C-alpha atoms as a PDB file:
ATOM      1  CA  GLN A   1      97.201 -31.835 -41.151  1.00  0.00           C
ATOM      2  CA  VAL A   2      95.064 -28.799 -40.557  1.00  0.00           C
ATOM      3  CA  GLN A   3      95.640 -26.334 -37.716  1.00  0.00           C
ATOM      4  CA  LEU A   4      92.785 -24.500 -36.045  1.00  0.00           C
ATOM      5  CA  VAL A   5      93.624 -21.426 -33.976  1.00  0.00           C
ATOM      6  CA  GLU A   6      90.995 -20.135 -31.591  1.00  0.00           C
ATOM      7  CA  SER A   7      90.683 -16.673 -30.103  1.00  0.00           C
ATOM      8  CA  GLY A   8      88.174 -14.537 -28.249  1.00  0.00           C
ATOM      9  CA  GLY A   9      87.708 -16.298 -24.930  1.00  0.00           C
ATOM     10  CA  GLY A  10      87.876 -14.505 -21.609  1.00  0.00           C
ATOM     11  CA  LEU A  11      86.082 -13.383 -18.491  1.00  0.00           C
ATOM     12  CA  VAL A  12      82.697 -11.697 -18.754  1.00  0.00           C
ATOM     13  CA  GLN A  13      79.884 -10.843 -16.385  1.00  0.00           C
ATOM     14  CA  SER A  14      76.564 -12.624 -16.504  1.00  0.00           C
ATOM     15  CA  GLY A  15      74.464 -11.164 -19.308  1.00  0.00           C
ATOM     16  CA  GLY A  16      77.501 -10.159 -21.320  1.00  0.00           C
ATOM     17  CA  SER A  17      78.708 -11.264 -24.747  1.00  0.00           C
ATOM     18  CA  LEU A  18      81.777 -12.818 -26.298  1.00  0.00           C
ATOM     19  CA  ARG A  19      82.663 -13.902 -29.812  1.00  0.00           C
ATOM     20  CA  LEU A  20      84.917 -16.895 -30.377  1.00  0.00           C
ATOM     21  CA  SER A  21      86.858 -17.228 -33.617  1.00  0.00           C
ATOM     22  CA  CYS A  22      88.437 -20.313 -35.134  1.00  0.00           C
ATOM     23  CA  ALA A  23      90.844 -19.758 -38.010  1.00  0.00           C
ATOM     24  CA  ALA A  24      91.759 -22.770 -40.147  1.00  0.00           C
ATOM     25  CA  SER A  25      95.057 -23.214 -41.985  1.00  0.00           C
ATOM     26  CA  ARG A  26      93.170 -24.711 -44.923  1.00  0.00           C
ATOM     27  CA  SER A  27      90.095 -23.671 -46.840  1.00  0.00           C
ATOM     28  CA  ILE A  28      86.888 -24.591 -45.038  1.00  0.00           C
ATOM     29  CA  LEU A  29      84.947 -24.754 -48.289  1.00  0.00           C
ATOM     30  CA  SER A  30      85.719 -28.470 -48.527  1.00  0.00           C
ATOM     31  CA  ALA A  31      84.799 -29.199 -44.918  1.00  0.00           C
ATOM     32  CA  LYS A  32      81.956 -31.629 -44.315  1.00  0.00           C
ATOM     33  CA  ALA A  33      80.893 -30.056 -41.032  1.00  0.00           C
ATOM     34  CA  MET A  34      81.936 -27.426 -38.506  1.00  0.00           C
ATOM     35  CA  GLY A  35      81.011 -26.921 -34.914  1.00  0.00           C
ATOM     36  CA  TRP A  36      81.768 -25.748 -31.420  1.00  0.00           C
ATOM     37  CA  TYR A  37      81.963 -27.953 -28.343  1.00  0.00           C
ATOM     38  CA  ARG A  38      82.535 -27.134 -24.700  1.00  0.00           C
ATOM     39  CA  GLN A  39      83.748 -28.936 -21.628  1.00  0.00           C
ATOM     40  CA  ALA A  40      83.128 -27.783 -18.095  1.00  0.00           C
ATOM     41  CA  PRO A  41      85.193 -29.141 -15.171  1.00  0.00           C
ATOM     42  CA  GLY A  42      84.140 -32.671 -14.254  1.00  0.00           C
ATOM     43  CA  LEU A  43      81.785 -32.963 -17.201  1.00  0.00           C
ATOM     44  CA  GLN A  44      81.956 -34.547 -20.627  1.00  0.00           C
ATOM     45  CA  ARG A  45      82.546 -32.506 -23.740  1.00  0.00           C
ATOM     46  CA  GLU A  46      79.238 -31.479 -25.267  1.00  0.00           C
ATOM     47  CA  LEU A  47      78.188 -30.169 -28.651  1.00  0.00           C
ATOM     48  CA  VAL A  48      77.130 -26.538 -28.516  1.00  0.00           C
ATOM     49  CA  ALA A  49      76.497 -25.612 -32.150  1.00  0.00           C
ATOM     50  CA  HIS A  50      77.101 -27.299 -35.446  1.00  0.00           C
ATOM     51  CA  PHE A  51      76.409 -26.922 -39.149  1.00  0.00           C
ATOM     52  CA  THR A  52      77.098 -28.880 -42.271  1.00  0.00           C
ATOM     53  CA  SER A  53      79.257 -27.496 -45.052  1.00  0.00           C
ATOM     54  CA  GLY A  54      76.269 -26.409 -47.066  1.00  0.00           C
ATOM     55  CA  GLY A  55      74.766 -24.686 -44.072  1.00  0.00           C
ATOM     56  CA  SER A  56      71.530 -26.496 -44.667  1.00  0.00           C
ATOM     57  CA  THR A  57      71.522 -28.112 -41.265  1.00  0.00           C
ATOM     58  CA  ILE A  58      72.263 -26.071 -38.161  1.00  0.00           C
ATOM     59  CA  TYR A  59      72.043 -27.486 -34.660  1.00  0.00           C
ATOM     60  CA  TYR A  60      72.123 -25.722 -31.313  1.00  0.00           C
ATOM     61  CA  ALA A  61      72.067 -27.344 -27.912  1.00  0.00           C
ATOM     62  CA  GLY A  62      68.869 -26.505 -26.095  1.00  0.00           C
ATOM     63  CA  SER A  63      70.758 -24.685 -23.376  1.00  0.00           C
ATOM     64  CA  VAL A  64      72.171 -22.116 -25.841  1.00  0.00           C
ATOM     65  CA  LYS A  65      69.423 -21.837 -28.439  1.00  0.00           C
ATOM     66  CA  GLY A  66      68.411 -18.231 -28.938  1.00  0.00           C
ATOM     67  CA  ARG A  67      71.578 -16.932 -27.271  1.00  0.00           C
ATOM     68  CA  PHE A  68      74.447 -18.357 -29.382  1.00  0.00           C
ATOM     69  CA  THR A  69      74.958 -18.072 -33.138  1.00  0.00           C
ATOM     70  CA  ILE A  70      77.397 -20.065 -35.250  1.00  0.00           C
ATOM     71  CA  SER A  71      78.616 -18.539 -38.490  1.00  0.00           C
ATOM     72  CA  ARG A  72      81.459 -18.737 -40.988  1.00  0.00           C
ATOM     73  CA  ASP A  73      83.539 -16.544 -43.265  1.00  0.00           C
ATOM     74  CA  ASN A  74      84.805 -18.650 -46.153  1.00  0.00           C
ATOM     75  CA  ALA A  75      87.154 -15.941 -47.381  1.00  0.00           C
ATOM     76  CA  LYS A  76      88.914 -15.932 -44.001  1.00  0.00           C
ATOM     77  CA  ASN A  77      88.612 -19.699 -43.409  1.00  0.00           C
ATOM     78  CA  THR A  78      87.109 -18.836 -40.048  1.00  0.00           C
ATOM     79  CA  VAL A  79      84.217 -20.139 -37.988  1.00  0.00           C
ATOM     80  CA  TYR A  80      82.642 -17.982 -35.300  1.00  0.00           C
ATOM     81  CA  LEU A  81      80.514 -18.486 -32.227  1.00  0.00           C
ATOM     82  CA  GLN A  82      78.698 -15.380 -31.068  1.00  0.00           C
ATOM     83  CA  MET A  83      77.607 -15.817 -27.466  1.00  0.00           C
ATOM     84  CA  ASN A  84      75.062 -13.410 -25.994  1.00  0.00           C
ATOM     85  CA  SER A  85      73.244 -13.290 -22.665  1.00  0.00           C
ATOM     86  CA  LEU A  86      75.955 -15.407 -21.125  1.00  0.00           C
ATOM     87  CA  LYS A  87      75.234 -17.279 -17.917  1.00  0.00           C
ATOM     88  CA  PRO A  88      77.568 -18.698 -15.251  1.00  0.00           C
ATOM     89  CA  GLU A  89      76.656 -22.192 -16.446  1.00  0.00           C
ATOM     90  CA  ASP A  90      78.206 -21.354 -19.821  1.00  0.00           C
ATOM     91  CA  THR A  91      81.609 -21.370 -18.123  1.00  0.00           C
ATOM     92  CA  ALA A  92      83.761 -23.967 -19.880  1.00  0.00           C
ATOM     93  CA  VAL A  93      86.620 -24.524 -22.283  1.00  0.00           C
ATOM     94  CA  TYR A  94      85.277 -24.135 -25.811  1.00  0.00           C
ATOM     95  CA  TYR A  95      86.716 -26.119 -28.732  1.00  0.00           C
ATOM     96  CA  CYS A  96      86.103 -25.637 -32.424  1.00  0.00           C
ATOM     97  CA  ASN A  97      85.988 -28.576 -34.774  1.00  0.00           C
ATOM     98  CA  VAL A  98      86.224 -28.776 -38.552  1.00  0.00           C
ATOM     99  CA  ASN A  99      85.649 -32.147 -40.125  1.00  0.00           C
ATOM    100  CA  TYR A 100      87.043 -32.521 -43.626  1.00  0.00           C
ATOM    101  CA  GLY A 101      86.175 -36.185 -43.891  1.00  0.00           C
ATOM    102  CA  TRP A 102      89.801 -37.226 -44.379  1.00  0.00           C
ATOM    103  CA  HIS A 103      90.843 -35.229 -41.301  1.00  0.00           C
ATOM    104  CA  ASP A 104      89.068 -34.121 -38.122  1.00  0.00           C
ATOM    105  CA  ALA A 105      90.689 -30.935 -36.830  1.00  0.00           C
ATOM    106  CA  TRP A 106      90.346 -29.450 -33.339  1.00  0.00           C
ATOM    107  CA  GLY A 107      91.242 -26.082 -31.918  1.00  0.00           C
ATOM    108  CA  GLN A 108      93.412 -25.663 -28.837  1.00  0.00           C
ATOM    109  CA  GLY A 109      90.507 -24.635 -26.611  1.00  0.00           C
ATOM    110  CA  SER A 110      89.409 -21.245 -25.306  1.00  0.00           C
ATOM    111  CA  GLN A 111      88.468 -20.598 -21.704  1.00  0.00           C
ATOM    112  CA  VAL A 112      85.181 -18.772 -21.234  1.00  0.00           C
ATOM    113  CA  THR A 113      84.370 -17.739 -17.689  1.00  0.00           C
ATOM    114  CA  VAL A 114      81.091 -16.067 -16.808  1.00  0.00           C
ATOM    115  CA  SER A 115      80.872 -14.446 -13.384  1.00  0.00           C
ATOM    116  CA  SER A 116      77.587 -13.990 -11.556  1.00  0.00           C
END
């Protein structure tokens, strides 16, 4: 089993920034893929940003492209999501995901609320 611990959520005004962190209990060097998802009330969970272990393929949902940046620090076994120019429609619970192939780990969820 691998534990993912998220931090960095909170309340921010429209136009503000937040950085989410996701610390893994195991090295992420062997992970096949890493990403961030979000789920707003009454809606399905959606993929926000994602990259493969080699970093050769990075995906951003159209609604966040140009505003959000996914990154990683292998030494800290941590994946980040930098969120800039936040909008009220970005309000959701954000989940990190690290897929090792043999195990698909999820964070506990971080509430992000953007006020208008």
